[in-house]
Amino acid sequence: MKKSRRRGLALSLLELALLIGVTVFLLTSAWAANTQDALAEKVVRLHVIANSDTEADQALKLKVRDAVLARTTEILEQSADRAEAEALLREALPELERIAEETVRAEGGDDPVTAELAEASFPTKEYDGFALPAGKYLALRIVIGAGAGQNWWCVVFPPLCTAAAEEVPETALAAGLTEDQVSLITEEDGGYVLKFKVVEWWESLRERING
């Protein structure tokens, strides 16, 4: 009888542990998904992809980046939110493609260039003064030639690419990010690293499920 009770108690504890584990998993997954989705709704990233990994093509990528970034900064200067930024960038796509292509030609290159505004997957990335978790974000993608080289990415809305580290919180708040979101992406003690690992793991799992 005592053995039966002990066995029953052990099963109950195991079931409780499993229930707690499932609950924590669901809550963590929900937090991770909501965190990335909420940030993605307020951000536009810039993604410049080089033709190849040769030294010349990588140097050209940075020239194109500088030219496109300078113009997008001007275009988005008065944008109040992500929706307005997206509309302005879609309208400016032909101009931005032309600027990128002219930069390539000015450097003696003949690779074609394409500019598009589309969702793209990004890994967790740390920048000067902030970080963003892995996941899908709307991105201005500039592809040079075959687009087979290493790429460069940052954030054009809010204009965090060009903001000094100490200006990031104010810039992000002005673009509509909440105080909690700004606190998360700018944690000075690196506390976001573990949190973003959870988001990265969840995004990876979500892609596998969807794929």
N, C-alpha and C. Protein backbone atom coordinates (compact mmCIF):
# COMPACT_ATOMS: atom_id res chain seq x y z
N MET A 1 0.82 -1.21 0.00
CA MET A 1 0.00 0.00 0.00
C MET A 1 0.86 1.27 0.00
N LYS A 2 1.92 1.27 0.88
CA LYS A 2 2.81 2.42 0.95
C LYS A 2 3.55 2.63 -0.37
N LYS A 3 3.99 1.49 -0.99
CA LYS A 3 4.69 1.59 -2.28
C LYS A 3 3.77 2.19 -3.33
N SER A 4 2.52 1.78 -3.28
CA SER A 4 1.54 2.30 -4.24
C SER A 4 1.34 3.80 -4.06
N ARG A 5 1.30 4.24 -2.78
CA ARG A 5 1.13 5.66 -2.51
C ARG A 5 2.35 6.46 -2.98
N ARG A 6 3.54 5.88 -2.69
CA ARG A 6 4.76 6.57 -3.11
C ARG A 6 4.82 6.67 -4.63
N ARG A 7 4.42 5.58 -5.29
CA ARG A 7 4.42 5.58 -6.76
C ARG A 7 3.44 6.63 -7.28
N GLY A 8 2.30 6.70 -6.63
CA GLY A 8 1.30 7.68 -7.04
C GLY A 8 1.78 9.11 -6.82
N LEU A 9 2.48 9.33 -5.70
CA LEU A 9 3.02 10.66 -5.40
C LEU A 9 4.10 11.04 -6.41
N ALA A 10 4.94 10.06 -6.76
CA ALA A 10 6.01 10.32 -7.73
C ALA A 10 5.41 10.70 -9.08
N LEU A 11 4.35 9.99 -9.48
CA LEU A 11 3.69 10.30 -10.75
C LEU A 11 3.07 11.69 -10.70
N SER A 12 2.47 12.03 -9.56
CA SER A 12 1.84 13.35 -9.43
C SER A 12 2.88 14.46 -9.54
N LEU A 13 4.03 14.26 -8.90
CA LEU A 13 5.10 15.26 -8.96
C LEU A 13 5.64 15.40 -10.39
N LEU A 14 5.76 14.24 -11.07
CA LEU A 14 6.23 14.26 -12.44
C LEU A 14 5.24 14.99 -13.34
N GLU A 15 3.98 14.69 -13.16
CA GLU A 15 2.95 15.35 -13.95
C GLU A 15 2.93 16.85 -13.69
N LEU A 16 3.12 17.23 -12.41
CA LEU A 16 3.16 18.64 -12.06
C LEU A 16 4.35 19.32 -12.72
N ALA A 17 5.52 18.65 -12.69
CA ALA A 17 6.72 19.20 -13.30
C ALA A 17 6.53 19.39 -14.81
N LEU A 18 5.90 18.38 -15.44
CA LEU A 18 5.63 18.47 -16.88
C LEU A 18 4.67 19.61 -17.18
N LEU A 19 3.67 19.75 -16.36
CA LEU A 19 2.69 20.82 -16.54
C LEU A 19 3.34 22.19 -16.41
N ILE A 20 4.20 22.33 -15.39
CA ILE A 20 4.92 23.59 -15.20
C ILE A 20 5.83 23.87 -16.39
N GLY A 21 6.51 22.81 -16.86
CA GLY A 21 7.41 22.97 -18.00
C GLY A 21 6.67 23.42 -19.25
N VAL A 22 5.52 22.80 -19.51
CA VAL A 22 4.72 23.16 -20.68
C VAL A 22 4.22 24.61 -20.56
N THR A 23 3.78 24.98 -19.35
CA THR A 23 3.29 26.33 -19.12
C THR A 23 4.39 27.37 -19.36
N VAL A 24 5.58 27.11 -18.80
CA VAL A 24 6.71 28.02 -19.00
C VAL A 24 7.06 28.13 -20.49
N PHE A 25 7.05 26.98 -21.17
CA PHE A 25 7.36 26.96 -22.61
C PHE A 25 6.37 27.82 -23.39
N LEU A 26 5.07 27.65 -23.10
CA LEU A 26 4.05 28.40 -23.81
C LEU A 26 4.15 29.90 -23.54
N LEU A 27 4.38 30.23 -22.27
CA LEU A 27 4.49 31.65 -21.91
C LEU A 27 5.73 32.28 -22.54
N THR A 28 6.85 31.54 -22.51
CA THR A 28 8.09 32.04 -23.10
C THR A 28 7.94 32.20 -24.61
N SER A 29 7.31 31.23 -25.25
CA SER A 29 7.10 31.29 -26.70
C SER A 29 6.22 32.47 -27.07
N ALA A 30 5.15 32.68 -26.28
CA ALA A 30 4.26 33.80 -26.55
C ALA A 30 4.99 35.13 -26.39
N TRP A 31 5.81 35.23 -25.33
CA TRP A 31 6.58 36.46 -25.11
C TRP A 31 7.55 36.70 -26.27
N ALA A 32 8.24 35.64 -26.69
CA ALA A 32 9.24 35.77 -27.76
C ALA A 32 8.59 36.22 -29.06
N ALA A 33 7.48 35.58 -29.42
CA ALA A 33 6.79 35.92 -30.66
C ALA A 33 6.26 37.35 -30.61
N ASN A 34 5.64 37.72 -29.51
CA ASN A 34 5.08 39.07 -29.38
C ASN A 34 6.16 40.14 -29.39
N THR A 35 7.30 39.84 -28.74
CA THR A 35 8.40 40.80 -28.68
C THR A 35 8.92 41.12 -30.07
N GLN A 36 9.24 40.11 -30.85
CA GLN A 36 9.79 40.33 -32.19
C GLN A 36 8.75 40.95 -33.12
N ASP A 37 7.53 40.43 -33.09
CA ASP A 37 6.48 40.95 -33.96
C ASP A 37 6.21 42.42 -33.69
N ALA A 38 6.17 42.79 -32.40
CA ALA A 38 5.89 44.18 -32.04
C ALA A 38 7.00 45.11 -32.51
N LEU A 39 8.24 44.67 -32.38
CA LEU A 39 9.36 45.48 -32.85
C LEU A 39 9.36 45.60 -34.37
N ALA A 40 9.07 44.49 -35.05
CA ALA A 40 9.09 44.47 -36.51
C ALA A 40 8.05 45.42 -37.09
N GLU A 41 6.95 45.62 -36.39
CA GLU A 41 5.90 46.52 -36.87
C GLU A 41 6.31 47.98 -36.83
N LYS A 42 7.43 48.28 -36.19
CA LYS A 42 7.84 49.68 -36.03
C LYS A 42 9.19 49.98 -36.66
N VAL A 43 9.74 49.00 -37.39
CA VAL A 43 11.12 49.13 -37.88
C VAL A 43 11.21 48.83 -39.38
N VAL A 44 12.06 49.58 -40.07
CA VAL A 44 12.43 49.24 -41.45
C VAL A 44 13.95 49.13 -41.49
N ARG A 45 14.44 48.04 -42.02
CA ARG A 45 15.89 47.83 -42.05
C ARG A 45 16.43 48.05 -43.46
N LEU A 46 17.71 48.34 -43.54
CA LEU A 46 18.41 48.48 -44.81
C LEU A 46 19.32 47.27 -44.97
N HIS A 47 19.24 46.64 -46.14
CA HIS A 47 19.98 45.40 -46.39
C HIS A 47 20.68 45.54 -47.73
N VAL A 48 21.99 45.71 -47.71
CA VAL A 48 22.77 45.86 -48.94
C VAL A 48 23.59 44.60 -49.16
N ILE A 49 23.40 43.96 -50.30
CA ILE A 49 24.02 42.66 -50.57
C ILE A 49 25.02 42.80 -51.72
N ALA A 50 26.26 42.43 -51.46
CA ALA A 50 27.32 42.56 -52.46
C ALA A 50 27.22 41.49 -53.53
N ASN A 51 27.83 41.76 -54.67
CA ASN A 51 27.87 40.79 -55.76
C ASN A 51 28.62 39.52 -55.34
N SER A 52 29.74 39.70 -54.66
CA SER A 52 30.55 38.56 -54.23
C SER A 52 31.37 38.98 -53.01
N ASP A 53 32.25 38.11 -52.56
CA ASP A 53 33.08 38.40 -51.39
C ASP A 53 34.49 38.87 -51.77
N THR A 54 34.70 39.22 -53.03
CA THR A 54 36.00 39.77 -53.40
C THR A 54 36.18 41.12 -52.71
N GLU A 55 37.41 41.51 -52.52
CA GLU A 55 37.69 42.78 -51.85
C GLU A 55 37.05 43.95 -52.59
N ALA A 56 37.10 43.90 -53.92
CA ALA A 56 36.53 44.99 -54.72
C ALA A 56 35.02 45.06 -54.57
N ASP A 57 34.36 43.92 -54.60
CA ASP A 57 32.90 43.90 -54.49
C ASP A 57 32.43 44.31 -53.09
N GLN A 58 33.20 43.94 -52.08
CA GLN A 58 32.84 44.33 -50.72
C GLN A 58 33.04 45.83 -50.51
N ALA A 59 34.07 46.39 -51.10
CA ALA A 59 34.30 47.84 -51.02
C ALA A 59 33.20 48.59 -51.76
N LEU A 60 32.79 48.04 -52.90
CA LEU A 60 31.71 48.65 -53.68
C LEU A 60 30.40 48.63 -52.89
N LYS A 61 30.15 47.56 -52.20
CA LYS A 61 28.94 47.44 -51.37
C LYS A 61 28.85 48.60 -50.39
N LEU A 62 29.97 48.95 -49.77
CA LEU A 62 29.98 50.03 -48.78
C LEU A 62 29.76 51.39 -49.43
N LYS A 63 30.26 51.55 -50.66
CA LYS A 63 30.02 52.79 -51.39
C LYS A 63 28.53 52.94 -51.69
N VAL A 64 27.92 51.85 -52.13
CA VAL A 64 26.49 51.86 -52.42
C VAL A 64 25.70 52.11 -51.14
N ARG A 65 26.11 51.47 -50.06
CA ARG A 65 25.45 51.68 -48.77
C ARG A 65 25.43 53.15 -48.39
N ASP A 66 26.59 53.79 -48.50
CA ASP A 66 26.70 55.20 -48.10
C ASP A 66 25.77 56.08 -48.94
N ALA A 67 25.73 55.82 -50.24
CA ALA A 67 24.91 56.64 -51.13
C ALA A 67 23.42 56.44 -50.85
N VAL A 68 23.01 55.20 -50.70
CA VAL A 68 21.60 54.89 -50.45
C VAL A 68 21.18 55.37 -49.06
N LEU A 69 22.03 55.17 -48.08
CA LEU A 69 21.72 55.58 -46.72
C LEU A 69 21.55 57.10 -46.61
N ALA A 70 22.39 57.84 -47.33
CA ALA A 70 22.30 59.29 -47.31
C ALA A 70 20.95 59.76 -47.85
N ARG A 71 20.51 59.13 -48.95
CA ARG A 71 19.24 59.54 -49.55
C ARG A 71 18.05 59.07 -48.72
N THR A 72 18.07 57.87 -48.21
CA THR A 72 16.95 57.39 -47.41
C THR A 72 16.79 58.20 -46.12
N THR A 73 17.90 58.64 -45.57
CA THR A 73 17.84 59.49 -44.37
C THR A 73 17.09 60.77 -44.67
N GLU A 74 17.35 61.36 -45.85
CA GLU A 74 16.63 62.57 -46.26
C GLU A 74 15.15 62.29 -46.48
N ILE A 75 14.86 61.18 -47.17
CA ILE A 75 13.48 60.84 -47.49
C ILE A 75 12.64 60.61 -46.23
N LEU A 76 13.24 59.95 -45.26
CA LEU A 76 12.49 59.55 -44.07
C LEU A 76 12.58 60.55 -42.92
N GLU A 77 13.20 61.68 -43.18
CA GLU A 77 13.45 62.64 -42.11
C GLU A 77 12.18 63.08 -41.39
N GLN A 78 11.08 63.21 -42.14
CA GLN A 78 9.85 63.69 -41.54
C GLN A 78 8.83 62.58 -41.29
N SER A 79 9.23 61.33 -41.42
CA SER A 79 8.29 60.22 -41.22
C SER A 79 7.87 60.13 -39.76
N ALA A 80 6.56 60.02 -39.55
CA ALA A 80 6.04 59.96 -38.18
C ALA A 80 5.97 58.54 -37.66
N ASP A 81 5.82 57.56 -38.57
CA ASP A 81 5.70 56.17 -38.12
C ASP A 81 6.14 55.23 -39.23
N ARG A 82 6.09 53.92 -38.94
CA ARG A 82 6.57 52.91 -39.89
C ARG A 82 5.74 52.91 -41.17
N ALA A 83 4.42 53.10 -41.04
CA ALA A 83 3.54 53.09 -42.21
C ALA A 83 3.91 54.20 -43.18
N GLU A 84 4.17 55.37 -42.65
CA GLU A 84 4.56 56.50 -43.50
C GLU A 84 5.93 56.26 -44.11
N ALA A 85 6.84 55.71 -43.34
CA ALA A 85 8.18 55.40 -43.85
C ALA A 85 8.09 54.39 -45.00
N GLU A 86 7.27 53.38 -44.83
CA GLU A 86 7.12 52.36 -45.88
C GLU A 86 6.56 52.97 -47.15
N ALA A 87 5.55 53.82 -47.04
CA ALA A 87 4.94 54.44 -48.21
C ALA A 87 5.96 55.31 -48.96
N LEU A 88 6.74 56.07 -48.22
CA LEU A 88 7.74 56.94 -48.85
C LEU A 88 8.83 56.12 -49.54
N LEU A 89 9.25 55.03 -48.91
CA LEU A 89 10.29 54.19 -49.51
C LEU A 89 9.78 53.49 -50.76
N ARG A 90 8.55 53.02 -50.75
CA ARG A 90 7.99 52.36 -51.94
C ARG A 90 7.95 53.35 -53.12
N GLU A 91 7.57 54.55 -52.82
CA GLU A 91 7.52 55.58 -53.87
C GLU A 91 8.91 55.91 -54.39
N ALA A 92 9.91 55.81 -53.52
CA ALA A 92 11.27 56.20 -53.89
C ALA A 92 12.11 55.05 -54.44
N LEU A 93 11.56 53.85 -54.53
CA LEU A 93 12.35 52.69 -54.97
C LEU A 93 13.08 52.92 -56.31
N PRO A 94 12.40 53.45 -57.34
CA PRO A 94 13.13 53.68 -58.61
C PRO A 94 14.31 54.63 -58.44
N GLU A 95 14.12 55.68 -57.63
CA GLU A 95 15.20 56.64 -57.39
C GLU A 95 16.36 55.98 -56.64
N LEU A 96 16.03 55.20 -55.63
CA LEU A 96 17.08 54.55 -54.83
C LEU A 96 17.85 53.53 -55.67
N GLU A 97 17.14 52.82 -56.53
CA GLU A 97 17.80 51.87 -57.42
C GLU A 97 18.73 52.60 -58.38
N ARG A 98 18.27 53.74 -58.88
CA ARG A 98 19.11 54.54 -59.79
C ARG A 98 20.36 55.05 -59.08
N ILE A 99 20.20 55.53 -57.84
CA ILE A 99 21.35 56.03 -57.07
C ILE A 99 22.37 54.92 -56.85
N ALA A 100 21.88 53.73 -56.51
CA ALA A 100 22.79 52.60 -56.28
C ALA A 100 23.51 52.22 -57.56
N GLU A 101 22.77 52.21 -58.67
CA GLU A 101 23.37 51.84 -59.95
C GLU A 101 24.39 52.88 -60.40
N GLU A 102 24.07 54.15 -60.22
CA GLU A 102 25.00 55.22 -60.59
C GLU A 102 26.29 55.12 -59.77
N THR A 103 26.15 54.72 -58.52
CA THR A 103 27.34 54.55 -57.67
C THR A 103 28.22 53.43 -58.18
N VAL A 104 27.57 52.33 -58.60
CA VAL A 104 28.32 51.21 -59.17
C VAL A 104 29.05 51.64 -60.43
N ARG A 105 28.37 52.37 -61.31
CA ARG A 105 28.97 52.81 -62.56
C ARG A 105 30.12 53.80 -62.29
N ALA A 106 29.93 54.69 -61.31
CA ALA A 106 30.96 55.68 -61.00
C ALA A 106 32.24 55.02 -60.50
N GLU A 107 32.10 53.81 -59.94
CA GLU A 107 33.26 53.06 -59.45
C GLU A 107 33.82 52.12 -60.51
N GLY A 108 33.28 52.21 -61.73
CA GLY A 108 33.78 51.40 -62.83
C GLY A 108 33.14 50.03 -62.94
N GLY A 109 32.09 49.77 -62.20
CA GLY A 109 31.42 48.46 -62.25
C GLY A 109 30.30 48.44 -63.26
N ASP A 110 29.92 47.24 -63.68
CA ASP A 110 28.82 47.11 -64.63
C ASP A 110 27.74 46.14 -64.14
N ASP A 111 27.78 45.79 -62.85
CA ASP A 111 26.77 44.87 -62.30
C ASP A 111 25.40 45.54 -62.26
N PRO A 112 24.35 44.78 -62.54
CA PRO A 112 23.00 45.33 -62.39
C PRO A 112 22.68 45.52 -60.92
N VAL A 113 21.73 46.38 -60.61
CA VAL A 113 21.33 46.62 -59.23
C VAL A 113 19.81 46.59 -59.15
N THR A 114 19.30 45.96 -58.11
CA THR A 114 17.85 45.96 -57.89
C THR A 114 17.57 46.50 -56.49
N ALA A 115 16.45 47.21 -56.37
CA ALA A 115 16.01 47.74 -55.08
C ALA A 115 14.58 47.27 -54.85
N GLU A 116 14.31 46.73 -53.69
CA GLU A 116 12.96 46.30 -53.36
C GLU A 116 12.70 46.50 -51.88
N LEU A 117 11.41 46.54 -51.55
CA LEU A 117 11.00 46.63 -50.16
C LEU A 117 10.24 45.35 -49.86
N ALA A 118 10.83 44.50 -49.02
CA ALA A 118 10.23 43.19 -48.78
C ALA A 118 10.63 42.68 -47.40
N GLU A 119 9.87 41.71 -46.91
CA GLU A 119 10.23 41.09 -45.64
C GLU A 119 11.44 40.20 -45.84
N ALA A 120 12.34 40.23 -44.87
CA ALA A 120 13.54 39.38 -44.92
C ALA A 120 13.86 38.91 -43.51
N SER A 121 14.48 37.75 -43.42
CA SER A 121 14.85 37.20 -42.11
C SER A 121 16.24 37.69 -41.71
N PHE A 122 16.38 38.07 -40.45
CA PHE A 122 17.64 38.58 -39.93
C PHE A 122 18.01 37.82 -38.65
N PRO A 123 19.28 37.61 -38.41
CA PRO A 123 19.71 37.03 -37.13
C PRO A 123 19.73 38.11 -36.06
N THR A 124 19.91 37.71 -34.81
CA THR A 124 20.11 38.69 -33.74
C THR A 124 21.35 39.52 -34.08
N LYS A 125 21.23 40.83 -33.93
CA LYS A 125 22.33 41.70 -34.32
C LYS A 125 22.52 42.81 -33.31
N GLU A 126 23.77 43.01 -32.89
CA GLU A 126 24.12 44.11 -31.99
C GLU A 126 24.74 45.24 -32.79
N TYR A 127 24.29 46.45 -32.50
CA TYR A 127 24.82 47.65 -33.12
C TYR A 127 25.42 48.54 -32.04
N ASP A 128 25.84 49.72 -32.42
CA ASP A 128 26.39 50.66 -31.45
C ASP A 128 25.25 51.31 -30.68
N GLY A 129 25.00 50.83 -29.47
CA GLY A 129 23.97 51.44 -28.63
C GLY A 129 22.65 50.70 -28.57
N PHE A 130 22.48 49.65 -29.40
CA PHE A 130 21.23 48.91 -29.35
C PHE A 130 21.41 47.55 -30.03
N ALA A 131 20.38 46.72 -29.91
CA ALA A 131 20.39 45.41 -30.55
C ALA A 131 18.97 45.07 -30.97
N LEU A 132 18.83 44.19 -31.96
CA LEU A 132 17.51 43.72 -32.39
C LEU A 132 17.50 42.20 -32.42
N PRO A 133 16.37 41.61 -32.01
CA PRO A 133 16.30 40.15 -32.01
C PRO A 133 16.13 39.59 -33.41
N ALA A 134 16.41 38.30 -33.56
CA ALA A 134 16.23 37.62 -34.83
C ALA A 134 14.76 37.61 -35.23
N GLY A 135 14.52 37.52 -36.53
CA GLY A 135 13.14 37.43 -37.01
C GLY A 135 12.98 38.11 -38.36
N LYS A 136 11.75 38.20 -38.81
CA LYS A 136 11.45 38.85 -40.09
C LYS A 136 11.14 40.32 -39.89
N TYR A 137 11.74 41.14 -40.75
CA TYR A 137 11.53 42.59 -40.71
C TYR A 137 11.33 43.09 -42.14
N LEU A 138 10.56 44.17 -42.26
CA LEU A 138 10.49 44.84 -43.55
C LEU A 138 11.85 45.46 -43.82
N ALA A 139 12.36 45.25 -45.04
CA ALA A 139 13.71 45.74 -45.34
C ALA A 139 13.78 46.35 -46.73
N LEU A 140 14.52 47.44 -46.83
CA LEU A 140 14.90 47.99 -48.12
C LEU A 140 16.12 47.19 -48.55
N ARG A 141 15.95 46.36 -49.57
CA ARG A 141 17.01 45.46 -50.01
C ARG A 141 17.63 45.98 -51.30
N ILE A 142 18.92 46.22 -51.26
CA ILE A 142 19.68 46.64 -52.43
C ILE A 142 20.60 45.49 -52.80
N VAL A 143 20.33 44.88 -53.94
CA VAL A 143 21.11 43.70 -54.37
C VAL A 143 22.00 44.09 -55.55
N ILE A 144 23.29 43.88 -55.39
CA ILE A 144 24.26 44.22 -56.44
C ILE A 144 24.66 42.94 -57.17
N GLY A 145 24.50 42.95 -58.49
CA GLY A 145 24.89 41.79 -59.30
C GLY A 145 24.21 40.51 -58.86
N ALA A 146 25.02 39.48 -58.63
CA ALA A 146 24.48 38.16 -58.26
C ALA A 146 23.99 38.13 -56.81
N GLY A 147 24.36 39.12 -56.03
CA GLY A 147 23.93 39.13 -54.62
C GLY A 147 24.44 37.93 -53.85
N ALA A 148 25.65 37.48 -54.18
CA ALA A 148 26.20 36.27 -53.55
C ALA A 148 27.24 36.58 -52.48
N GLY A 149 27.47 37.86 -52.19
CA GLY A 149 28.49 38.22 -51.22
C GLY A 149 27.94 38.52 -49.85
N GLN A 150 28.83 38.80 -48.92
CA GLN A 150 28.41 39.17 -47.57
C GLN A 150 27.60 40.45 -47.62
N ASN A 151 26.63 40.56 -46.73
CA ASN A 151 25.74 41.71 -46.76
C ASN A 151 25.97 42.64 -45.58
N TRP A 152 25.37 43.80 -45.66
CA TRP A 152 25.43 44.81 -44.60
C TRP A 152 24.01 45.21 -44.28
N TRP A 153 23.69 45.32 -43.00
CA TRP A 153 22.33 45.75 -42.65
C TRP A 153 22.34 46.61 -41.41
N CYS A 154 21.34 47.46 -41.37
CA CYS A 154 21.13 48.29 -40.17
C CYS A 154 19.66 48.70 -40.15
N VAL A 155 19.34 49.82 -39.54
CA VAL A 155 17.95 50.26 -39.41
C VAL A 155 17.82 51.67 -39.96
N VAL A 156 16.94 51.84 -40.96
CA VAL A 156 16.76 53.18 -41.54
C VAL A 156 15.55 53.89 -40.94
N PHE A 157 14.60 53.11 -40.40
CA PHE A 157 13.51 53.72 -39.64
C PHE A 157 13.22 52.88 -38.42
N PRO A 158 13.31 53.50 -37.23
CA PRO A 158 13.85 54.83 -36.95
C PRO A 158 15.29 54.96 -37.48
N PRO A 159 15.78 56.17 -37.67
CA PRO A 159 17.13 56.35 -38.25
C PRO A 159 18.24 56.01 -37.26
N LEU A 160 18.26 54.75 -36.84
CA LEU A 160 19.24 54.33 -35.83
C LEU A 160 20.63 54.11 -36.43
N CYS A 161 20.68 53.92 -37.76
CA CYS A 161 21.99 53.74 -38.42
C CYS A 161 22.85 54.97 -38.24
N THR A 162 22.20 56.12 -38.29
CA THR A 162 22.95 57.37 -38.28
C THR A 162 22.92 58.06 -36.92
N ALA A 163 22.20 57.51 -35.97
CA ALA A 163 22.12 58.13 -34.64
C ALA A 163 23.32 57.71 -33.79
N ALA A 164 23.83 58.64 -33.03
CA ALA A 164 24.89 58.31 -32.08
C ALA A 164 24.30 57.42 -31.00
N ALA A 165 25.14 56.61 -30.36
CA ALA A 165 24.65 55.65 -29.37
C ALA A 165 23.80 56.30 -28.29
N GLU A 166 24.23 57.48 -27.83
CA GLU A 166 23.48 58.15 -26.75
C GLU A 166 22.15 58.73 -27.24
N GLU A 167 21.97 58.84 -28.57
CA GLU A 167 20.73 59.38 -29.13
C GLU A 167 19.71 58.31 -29.47
N VAL A 168 20.12 57.05 -29.39
CA VAL A 168 19.24 55.95 -29.81
C VAL A 168 17.92 55.93 -29.04
N PRO A 169 17.91 56.01 -27.71
CA PRO A 169 16.63 55.96 -26.99
C PRO A 169 15.65 57.04 -27.43
N GLU A 170 16.12 58.29 -27.52
CA GLU A 170 15.26 59.39 -27.92
C GLU A 170 14.75 59.22 -29.34
N THR A 171 15.63 58.78 -30.25
CA THR A 171 15.26 58.57 -31.64
C THR A 171 14.21 57.48 -31.77
N ALA A 172 14.40 56.39 -31.04
CA ALA A 172 13.45 55.27 -31.09
C ALA A 172 12.09 55.66 -30.51
N LEU A 173 12.08 56.38 -29.41
CA LEU A 173 10.82 56.84 -28.81
C LEU A 173 10.06 57.76 -29.75
N ALA A 174 10.78 58.64 -30.42
CA ALA A 174 10.15 59.58 -31.35
C ALA A 174 9.49 58.87 -32.52
N ALA A 175 9.98 57.67 -32.85
CA ALA A 175 9.43 56.91 -33.97
C ALA A 175 8.29 55.99 -33.56
N GLY A 176 7.94 55.99 -32.27
CA GLY A 176 6.79 55.21 -31.84
C GLY A 176 7.08 53.97 -31.05
N LEU A 177 8.34 53.66 -30.80
CA LEU A 177 8.64 52.51 -29.94
C LEU A 177 8.24 52.86 -28.51
N THR A 178 7.77 51.87 -27.77
CA THR A 178 7.39 52.10 -26.38
C THR A 178 8.63 52.18 -25.50
N GLU A 179 8.45 52.68 -24.30
CA GLU A 179 9.57 52.76 -23.37
C GLU A 179 10.11 51.36 -23.04
N ASP A 180 9.20 50.38 -22.92
CA ASP A 180 9.65 49.01 -22.65
C ASP A 180 10.47 48.46 -23.81
N GLN A 181 10.05 48.75 -25.06
CA GLN A 181 10.80 48.27 -26.22
C GLN A 181 12.17 48.93 -26.30
N VAL A 182 12.20 50.22 -26.04
CA VAL A 182 13.49 50.94 -26.07
C VAL A 182 14.40 50.41 -24.97
N SER A 183 13.84 50.18 -23.80
CA SER A 183 14.63 49.64 -22.70
C SER A 183 15.19 48.27 -23.06
N LEU A 184 14.38 47.44 -23.72
CA LEU A 184 14.82 46.10 -24.09
C LEU A 184 15.99 46.14 -25.07
N ILE A 185 15.89 46.96 -26.11
CA ILE A 185 16.92 46.94 -27.16
C ILE A 185 18.17 47.72 -26.79
N THR A 186 18.09 48.49 -25.70
CA THR A 186 19.26 49.30 -25.33
C THR A 186 19.84 48.94 -23.98
N GLU A 187 19.47 47.82 -23.40
CA GLU A 187 19.97 47.45 -22.07
C GLU A 187 21.49 47.47 -22.03
N GLU A 188 22.05 48.34 -21.21
CA GLU A 188 23.50 48.52 -21.18
C GLU A 188 24.23 47.34 -20.57
N ASP A 189 23.54 46.58 -19.70
CA ASP A 189 24.22 45.47 -19.05
C ASP A 189 24.23 44.20 -19.90
N GLY A 190 23.72 44.32 -21.13
CA GLY A 190 23.68 43.15 -22.00
C GLY A 190 22.59 42.18 -21.63
N GLY A 191 21.63 42.62 -20.82
CA GLY A 191 20.55 41.73 -20.40
C GLY A 191 19.70 41.23 -21.53
N TYR A 192 19.71 41.96 -22.64
CA TYR A 192 18.90 41.52 -23.78
C TYR A 192 19.47 40.27 -24.44
N VAL A 193 20.72 39.95 -24.21
CA VAL A 193 21.35 38.83 -24.90
C VAL A 193 20.59 37.53 -24.65
N LEU A 194 20.33 37.20 -23.37
CA LEU A 194 19.61 35.98 -23.05
C LEU A 194 18.18 36.05 -23.56
N LYS A 195 17.54 37.21 -23.40
CA LYS A 195 16.16 37.36 -23.86
C LYS A 195 16.09 37.17 -25.38
N PHE A 196 17.05 37.73 -26.10
CA PHE A 196 17.04 37.62 -27.55
C PHE A 196 17.37 36.20 -28.02
N LYS A 197 18.13 35.46 -27.20
CA LYS A 197 18.39 34.07 -27.53
C LYS A 197 17.08 33.27 -27.53
N VAL A 198 16.19 33.60 -26.59
CA VAL A 198 14.88 32.95 -26.54
C VAL A 198 14.10 33.30 -27.80
N VAL A 199 14.12 34.58 -28.19
CA VAL A 199 13.43 35.01 -29.40
C VAL A 199 14.01 34.30 -30.62
N GLU A 200 15.34 34.22 -30.69
CA GLU A 200 16.01 33.57 -31.82
C GLU A 200 15.63 32.10 -31.91
N TRP A 201 15.60 31.44 -30.76
CA TRP A 201 15.21 30.02 -30.74
C TRP A 201 13.77 29.86 -31.22
N TRP A 202 12.88 30.75 -30.74
CA TRP A 202 11.47 30.65 -31.12
C TRP A 202 11.29 30.94 -32.61
N GLU A 203 11.99 31.94 -33.14
CA GLU A 203 11.87 32.26 -34.56
C GLU A 203 12.36 31.09 -35.42
N SER A 204 13.42 30.44 -34.98
CA SER A 204 13.93 29.28 -35.70
C SER A 204 12.90 28.16 -35.71
N LEU A 205 12.28 27.93 -34.54
CA LEU A 205 11.26 26.90 -34.45
C LEU A 205 10.05 27.25 -35.31
N ARG A 206 9.65 28.51 -35.30
CA ARG A 206 8.49 28.95 -36.08
C ARG A 206 8.75 28.78 -37.57
N GLU A 207 9.97 29.07 -38.02
CA GLU A 207 10.30 28.90 -39.44
C GLU A 207 10.25 27.43 -39.84
N ARG A 208 10.73 26.56 -38.94
CA ARG A 208 10.69 25.13 -39.25
C ARG A 208 9.25 24.65 -39.37
N ILE A 209 8.40 25.11 -38.46
CA ILE A 209 7.00 24.71 -38.50
C ILE A 209 6.32 25.20 -39.77
N ASN A 210 6.57 26.48 -40.10
CA ASN A 210 5.95 27.06 -41.30
C ASN A 210 6.55 26.49 -42.59
N GLY A 211 7.83 26.07 -42.49
CA GLY A 211 8.51 25.57 -43.68
C GLY A 211 8.28 24.11 -43.94
